[in-house]
Amino acid sequence: MSDSHQKSENASADTIASAATKAAKGRGPAPVHLWNPPFCGDLDMRIARDGTWFYLGTPIGRKRLVKLFSNIIRKDGDDYFLVTPVEKVGIKVDDAPFVAVDFDVADKVITFTTNVGDTVQAGPDNPIRVTLDPVRGEPSPYVLVRNNLEALIDRKSFYRLVDLGETGTVDGVEWFGVWSSGVFFPFILMSELPL
């Protein structure tokens, strides 16, 4: 969050949840990309790297509430917000707003399940990407869930993906990665694979 954001005095988790419940029409994410309410300040809410949601420093234990909040999250630039038709509040996200906790493979399509129960098929509209920590060299794999919101692929799932890995060519260079929905997703250059 930028330093120009202020603490919200009017918005709270309760008011956001109430507005989100009213805005929810059926199942699935709300059309937050269509809403442009005024910014109401920052809410003391954080999503940890492991997918745990915190409010006022305390984990949110009610899964239905977390699911509700996960349906109204939006990323603008580098900042994350909970957005309803009437208000927009800033929240902190340590890494990605979702965690891909499992996946299935059927008919050469990898379908991920997130910690909030969403499913997403890796493919041209939902790519997998892997970044490497420049200091430790550890991979951080992600899959695009919706709009510009990603899920960090958890370690056990990434190890399973690596087991499915094969060689593919990207721009004339050989990579190690996986295929899904007819698209190859590179993880690491074959020349950099440890022996």
Protein backbone atom coordinates (compact mmCIF):
# COMPACT_ATOMS: atom_id res chain seq x y z
CA MET A 1 0.00 0.00 0.00
CA SER A 2 1.20 3.49 -0.64
CA ASP A 3 1.90 5.75 2.33
CA SER A 4 -0.83 8.08 1.10
CA HIS A 5 -3.48 5.55 2.09
CA GLN A 6 -5.12 6.32 5.40
CA LYS A 7 -6.76 4.18 8.03
CA SER A 8 -10.44 3.86 7.35
CA GLU A 9 -12.63 5.30 10.05
CA ASN A 10 -15.95 4.44 8.45
CA ALA A 11 -15.26 1.06 6.82
CA SER A 12 -14.93 -2.09 8.87
CA ALA A 13 -14.93 -5.78 8.12
CA ASP A 14 -18.62 -5.83 9.14
CA THR A 15 -19.66 -3.01 6.79
CA ILE A 16 -17.67 -4.51 3.92
CA ALA A 17 -19.16 -7.98 4.57
CA SER A 18 -22.66 -6.53 4.73
CA ALA A 19 -22.23 -4.62 1.47
CA ALA A 20 -20.61 -7.64 -0.21
CA THR A 21 -23.49 -9.88 0.86
CA LYS A 22 -26.01 -7.44 -0.61
CA ALA A 23 -24.00 -7.17 -3.84
CA ALA A 24 -23.60 -10.93 -4.20
CA LYS A 25 -25.88 -12.25 -6.88
CA GLY A 26 -25.54 -15.99 -7.03
CA ARG A 27 -22.22 -17.73 -6.72
CA GLY A 28 -18.74 -16.73 -7.68
CA PRO A 29 -16.75 -13.52 -7.68
CA ALA A 30 -18.57 -10.21 -7.81
CA PRO A 31 -18.02 -7.98 -10.87
CA VAL A 32 -15.62 -5.72 -8.94
CA HIS A 33 -13.92 -4.65 -12.17
CA LEU A 34 -17.15 -2.81 -13.06
CA TRP A 35 -17.44 -0.93 -9.75
CA ASN A 36 -15.75 2.40 -9.07
CA PRO A 37 -16.75 3.43 -5.53
CA PRO A 38 -14.84 6.03 -3.53
CA PHE A 39 -11.72 4.94 -1.64
CA CYS A 40 -12.57 4.77 2.07
CA GLY A 41 -9.08 4.16 3.48
CA ASP A 42 -7.15 1.10 4.54
CA LEU A 43 -8.63 -1.71 6.60
CA ASP A 44 -6.43 -3.58 9.08
CA MET A 45 -6.78 -6.77 7.06
CA ARG A 46 -3.95 -8.92 5.73
CA ILE A 47 -3.64 -12.09 3.68
CA ALA A 48 -0.53 -14.05 4.73
CA ARG A 49 1.59 -15.99 2.24
CA ASP A 50 -0.03 -19.24 3.42
CA GLY A 51 -3.51 -17.89 2.54
CA THR A 52 -4.62 -17.09 6.10
CA TRP A 53 -6.76 -13.96 6.35
CA PHE A 54 -6.22 -11.70 9.37
CA TYR A 55 -8.40 -8.88 10.68
CA LEU A 56 -6.99 -6.62 13.41
CA GLY A 57 -4.10 -9.10 13.76
CA THR A 58 -6.37 -12.09 14.44
CA PRO A 59 -6.97 -14.94 11.95
CA ILE A 60 -10.47 -14.95 10.48
CA GLY A 61 -11.79 -18.37 11.43
CA ARG A 62 -15.12 -18.28 9.63
CA LYS A 63 -14.57 -19.85 6.19
CA ARG A 64 -17.78 -18.34 4.79
CA LEU A 65 -16.56 -14.85 5.67
CA VAL A 66 -13.16 -15.47 4.06
CA LYS A 67 -14.92 -16.80 0.96
CA LEU A 68 -17.14 -13.71 0.86
CA PHE A 69 -14.13 -11.38 1.10
CA SER A 70 -12.24 -13.41 -1.52
CA ASN A 71 -15.05 -12.74 -3.99
CA ILE A 72 -14.70 -8.95 -3.72
CA ILE A 73 -10.91 -8.58 -3.89
CA ARG A 74 -9.35 -6.51 -6.65
CA LYS A 75 -5.78 -5.56 -7.53
CA ASP A 76 -5.11 -2.10 -8.93
CA GLY A 77 -1.44 -1.62 -9.80
CA ASP A 78 0.48 -3.15 -6.89
CA ASP A 79 -2.27 -2.55 -4.33
CA TYR A 80 -5.12 -4.81 -3.22
CA PHE A 81 -8.62 -3.70 -2.28
CA LEU A 82 -11.93 -5.09 -1.13
CA VAL A 83 -14.53 -3.47 -3.38
CA THR A 84 -18.29 -3.22 -3.10
CA PRO A 85 -20.64 -1.02 -5.13
CA VAL A 86 -20.41 1.66 -2.41
CA GLU A 87 -16.90 1.48 -0.93
CA LYS A 88 -13.32 0.47 -1.62
CA VAL A 89 -10.85 -0.29 1.16
CA GLY A 90 -7.19 -1.18 0.98
CA ILE A 91 -5.84 -4.44 2.42
CA LYS A 92 -2.35 -5.93 2.65
CA VAL A 93 -1.42 -9.09 0.75
CA ASP A 94 1.95 -10.64 1.65
CA ASP A 95 2.36 -12.52 -1.65
CA ALA A 96 -0.73 -13.61 -3.60
CA PRO A 97 -4.37 -13.36 -2.48
CA PHE A 98 -5.00 -17.08 -3.04
CA VAL A 99 -3.16 -20.36 -2.57
CA ALA A 100 -3.56 -23.27 -4.98
CA VAL A 101 -3.75 -26.18 -2.54
CA ASP A 102 -4.40 -29.06 -4.96
CA PHE A 103 -4.90 -29.95 -8.60
CA ASP A 104 -6.29 -32.68 -10.83
CA VAL A 105 -5.29 -33.63 -14.35
CA ALA A 106 -7.86 -34.85 -16.87
CA ASP A 107 -7.67 -34.83 -20.66
CA LYS A 108 -4.32 -32.99 -20.53
CA VAL A 109 -5.81 -30.11 -18.51
CA ILE A 110 -4.52 -29.14 -15.06
CA THR A 111 -7.34 -27.87 -12.83
CA PHE A 112 -6.28 -26.17 -9.61
CA THR A 113 -8.35 -25.76 -6.45
CA THR A 114 -7.64 -22.77 -4.22
CA ASN A 115 -7.81 -22.36 -0.47
CA VAL A 116 -11.15 -20.54 -0.89
CA GLY A 117 -12.70 -23.25 -3.06
CA ASP A 118 -12.27 -21.69 -6.49
CA THR A 119 -11.23 -23.92 -9.39
CA VAL A 120 -9.21 -22.76 -12.37
CA GLN A 121 -7.97 -24.59 -15.45
CA ALA A 122 -4.40 -23.69 -16.42
CA GLY A 123 -4.32 -22.58 -20.03
CA PRO A 124 -4.00 -19.51 -22.23
CA ASP A 125 -6.31 -17.41 -20.02
CA ASN A 126 -4.94 -18.78 -16.73
CA PRO A 127 -1.19 -19.21 -17.16
CA ILE A 128 1.25 -20.77 -14.72
CA ARG A 129 4.43 -18.80 -14.02
CA VAL A 130 7.44 -19.45 -11.82
CA THR A 131 9.74 -16.83 -10.30
CA LEU A 132 13.03 -17.55 -8.56
CA ASP A 133 14.13 -15.87 -5.35
CA PRO A 134 17.29 -14.00 -6.42
CA VAL A 135 19.08 -14.74 -3.13
CA ARG A 136 18.01 -18.29 -2.22
CA GLY A 137 17.11 -19.48 -5.72
CA GLU A 138 13.85 -21.00 -4.44
CA PRO A 139 10.95 -21.13 -6.91
CA SER A 140 7.62 -19.42 -6.32
CA PRO A 141 5.01 -20.83 -8.71
CA TYR A 142 1.72 -19.07 -9.44
CA VAL A 143 -1.42 -19.62 -11.49
CA LEU A 144 -3.66 -16.78 -12.62
CA VAL A 145 -7.10 -17.19 -11.03
CA ARG A 146 -9.00 -14.21 -12.42
CA ASN A 147 -8.27 -10.76 -13.80
CA ASN A 148 -4.82 -9.99 -12.34
CA LEU A 149 -5.25 -12.08 -9.18
CA GLU A 150 -2.95 -15.06 -8.74
CA ALA A 151 -2.73 -18.07 -6.47
CA LEU A 152 0.60 -19.17 -5.07
CA ILE A 153 0.89 -22.89 -5.85
CA ASP A 154 1.66 -24.63 -2.54
CA ARG A 155 4.81 -26.70 -2.18
CA LYS A 156 3.22 -30.17 -2.31
CA SER A 157 1.29 -29.26 -5.46
CA PHE A 158 4.39 -27.79 -7.10
CA TYR A 159 6.34 -30.98 -6.38
CA ARG A 160 3.52 -32.94 -8.03
CA LEU A 161 3.69 -30.59 -11.04
CA VAL A 162 7.44 -31.16 -11.28
CA ASP A 163 6.76 -34.91 -11.38
CA LEU A 164 4.56 -34.26 -14.45
CA GLY A 165 7.19 -32.04 -16.05
CA GLU A 166 8.71 -32.52 -19.46
CA THR A 167 10.83 -30.68 -21.98
CA GLY A 168 9.34 -27.99 -24.19
CA THR A 169 10.71 -25.35 -26.51
CA VAL A 170 10.09 -21.64 -26.05
CA ASP A 171 11.57 -19.27 -28.64
CA GLY A 172 13.99 -21.98 -29.76
CA VAL A 173 15.25 -22.67 -26.23
CA GLU A 174 14.61 -25.90 -24.29
CA TRP A 175 12.81 -25.55 -20.96
CA PHE A 176 11.49 -27.91 -18.30
CA GLY A 177 7.81 -27.31 -17.53
CA VAL A 178 4.28 -28.64 -17.88
CA TRP A 179 1.55 -28.70 -20.51
CA SER A 180 -2.09 -27.81 -19.86
CA SER A 181 -4.89 -27.00 -22.30
CA GLY A 182 -2.41 -27.22 -25.19
CA VAL A 183 -0.06 -24.59 -23.70
CA PHE A 184 3.46 -25.22 -22.42
CA PHE A 185 4.37 -23.44 -19.16
CA PRO A 186 8.13 -23.21 -18.61
CA PHE A 187 9.58 -23.59 -15.11
CA ILE A 188 13.36 -23.59 -15.61
CA LEU A 189 15.82 -23.69 -18.49
CA MET A 190 16.96 -27.24 -19.22
CA SER A 191 20.54 -25.95 -19.11
CA GLU A 192 19.96 -24.81 -15.49
CA LEU A 193 18.40 -28.05 -14.24
CA PRO A 194 20.51 -29.64 -11.51
CA LEU A 195 21.94 -33.01 -12.48
